[in-house]
Amino acid sequence: MSDFSEPLGYRLITGPDDAEFCARVSGLLDQGYRLYGSPALTFNGERVIAAQALVLPNSARPEPSEASLR
């Protein structure tokens, strides 16, 4: 795992759909992150795997380039 000195503006949390996964998402919400979109669920043949994107409002984001606006 990388050591970041600044909080990430975007996080994608994945893992088994269990209490630990919910606690990880809840912990990020407590740190100011907000849910980004709906959760995704899949089945890997043994268990349900969940994914949830979260964003940190007001994080430093690069300005969009002129080409990306076309």
C-alpha atoms as a PDB file:
ATOM      1  CA  MET A   1       0.000   0.000   0.000  1.00  0.00           C
ATOM      2  CA  SER A   2       1.296   3.443  -0.908  1.00  0.00           C
ATOM      3  CA  ASP A   3       1.773   6.168   1.671  1.00  0.00           C
ATOM      4  CA  PHE A   4       0.040   9.370   0.535  1.00  0.00           C
ATOM      5  CA  SER A   5       0.606  12.579   2.465  1.00  0.00           C
ATOM      6  CA  GLU A   6      -2.512  14.186   0.942  1.00  0.00           C
ATOM      7  CA  PRO A   7      -5.951  12.552   0.912  1.00  0.00           C
ATOM      8  CA  LEU A   8      -6.926  11.176  -2.470  1.00  0.00           C
ATOM      9  CA  GLY A   9      -9.721  13.003  -4.272  1.00  0.00           C
ATOM     10  CA  TYR A  10     -11.135   9.705  -5.548  1.00  0.00           C
ATOM     11  CA  ARG A  11     -11.261   6.286  -3.932  1.00  0.00           C
ATOM     12  CA  LEU A  12     -12.673   2.998  -5.215  1.00  0.00           C
ATOM     13  CA  ILE A  13     -13.258   0.591  -2.357  1.00  0.00           C
ATOM     14  CA  THR A  14     -13.701  -3.091  -3.222  1.00  0.00           C
ATOM     15  CA  GLY A  15     -14.074  -6.257  -1.231  1.00  0.00           C
ATOM     16  CA  PRO A  16     -16.466  -8.915   0.001  1.00  0.00           C
ATOM     17  CA  ASP A  17     -19.912  -7.515   0.750  1.00  0.00           C
ATOM     18  CA  ASP A  18     -19.674  -7.826   4.521  1.00  0.00           C
ATOM     19  CA  ALA A  19     -19.577  -5.723   7.685  1.00  0.00           C
ATOM     20  CA  GLU A  20     -15.869  -4.910   7.177  1.00  0.00           C
ATOM     21  CA  PHE A  21     -16.564  -3.474   3.715  1.00  0.00           C
ATOM     22  CA  CYS A  22     -19.407  -1.349   5.126  1.00  0.00           C
ATOM     23  CA  ALA A  23     -17.134  -0.158   7.954  1.00  0.00           C
ATOM     24  CA  ARG A  24     -14.445   0.891   5.443  1.00  0.00           C
ATOM     25  CA  VAL A  25     -16.962   2.926   3.426  1.00  0.00           C
ATOM     26  CA  SER A  26     -18.458   4.398   6.621  1.00  0.00           C
ATOM     27  CA  GLY A  27     -14.982   5.396   7.822  1.00  0.00           C
ATOM     28  CA  LEU A  28     -14.321   7.299   4.601  1.00  0.00           C
ATOM     29  CA  LEU A  29     -17.704   9.017   4.866  1.00  0.00           C
ATOM     30  CA  ASP A  30     -16.703  10.096   8.393  1.00  0.00           C
ATOM     31  CA  GLN A  31     -13.510  11.594   6.885  1.00  0.00           C
ATOM     32  CA  GLY A  32     -15.555  13.795   4.538  1.00  0.00           C
ATOM     33  CA  TYR A  33     -15.765  11.587   1.452  1.00  0.00           C
ATOM     34  CA  ARG A  34     -19.079  11.423  -0.408  1.00  0.00           C
ATOM     35  CA  LEU A  35     -20.519   8.500  -2.345  1.00  0.00           C
ATOM     36  CA  TYR A  36     -19.955   8.768  -6.096  1.00  0.00           C
ATOM     37  CA  GLY A  37     -22.505   6.781  -8.029  1.00  0.00           C
ATOM     38  CA  SER A  38     -24.171   3.550  -7.074  1.00  0.00           C
ATOM     39  CA  PRO A  39     -22.385   0.532  -5.649  1.00  0.00           C
ATOM     40  CA  ALA A  40     -21.561  -2.347  -7.971  1.00  0.00           C
ATOM     41  CA  LEU A  41     -21.943  -5.994  -7.011  1.00  0.00           C
ATOM     42  CA  THR A  42     -20.646  -9.160  -8.635  1.00  0.00           C
ATOM     43  CA  PHE A  43     -20.372 -12.807  -7.659  1.00  0.00           C
ATOM     44  CA  ASN A  44     -16.989 -14.517  -7.940  1.00  0.00           C
ATOM     45  CA  GLY A  45     -18.337 -18.062  -7.593  1.00  0.00           C
ATOM     46  CA  GLU A  46     -17.971 -18.064  -3.822  1.00  0.00           C
ATOM     47  CA  ARG A  47     -19.102 -14.700  -2.486  1.00  0.00           C
ATOM     48  CA  VAL A  48     -20.574 -11.350  -3.421  1.00  0.00           C
ATOM     49  CA  ILE A  49     -17.924  -8.688  -4.107  1.00  0.00           C
ATOM     50  CA  ALA A  50     -18.874  -5.022  -3.736  1.00  0.00           C
ATOM     51  CA  ALA A  51     -17.333  -1.844  -5.137  1.00  0.00           C
ATOM     52  CA  GLN A  52     -18.129   1.748  -4.173  1.00  0.00           C
ATOM     53  CA  ALA A  53     -16.562   4.919  -5.521  1.00  0.00           C
ATOM     54  CA  LEU A  54     -16.142   7.897  -3.187  1.00  0.00           C
ATOM     55  CA  VAL A  55     -14.909  11.432  -3.811  1.00  0.00           C
ATOM     56  CA  LEU A  56     -13.530  14.053  -1.484  1.00  0.00           C
ATOM     57  CA  PRO A  57     -15.322  17.358  -2.146  1.00  0.00           C
ATOM     58  CA  ASN A  58     -13.098  20.387  -2.709  1.00  0.00           C
ATOM     59  CA  SER A  59     -10.030  18.257  -3.404  1.00  0.00           C
ATOM     60  CA  ALA A  60      -7.509  19.763  -5.787  1.00  0.00           C
ATOM     61  CA  ARG A  61      -8.557  18.843  -9.299  1.00  0.00           C
ATOM     62  CA  PRO A  62      -6.722  19.800 -12.453  1.00  0.00           C
ATOM     63  CA  GLU A  63      -8.526  22.235 -14.712  1.00  0.00           C
ATOM     64  CA  PRO A  64     -10.015  20.523 -17.785  1.00  0.00           C
ATOM     65  CA  SER A  65      -7.992  21.034 -20.930  1.00  0.00           C
ATOM     66  CA  GLU A  66      -9.554  22.702 -23.948  1.00  0.00           C
ATOM     67  CA  ALA A  67      -9.348  19.410 -25.866  1.00  0.00           C
ATOM     68  CA  SER A  68     -11.365  17.559 -23.207  1.00  0.00           C
ATOM     69  CA  LEU A  69     -14.173  20.101 -23.503  1.00  0.00           C
ATOM     70  CA  ARG A  70     -14.787  19.318 -27.186  1.00  0.00           C
END
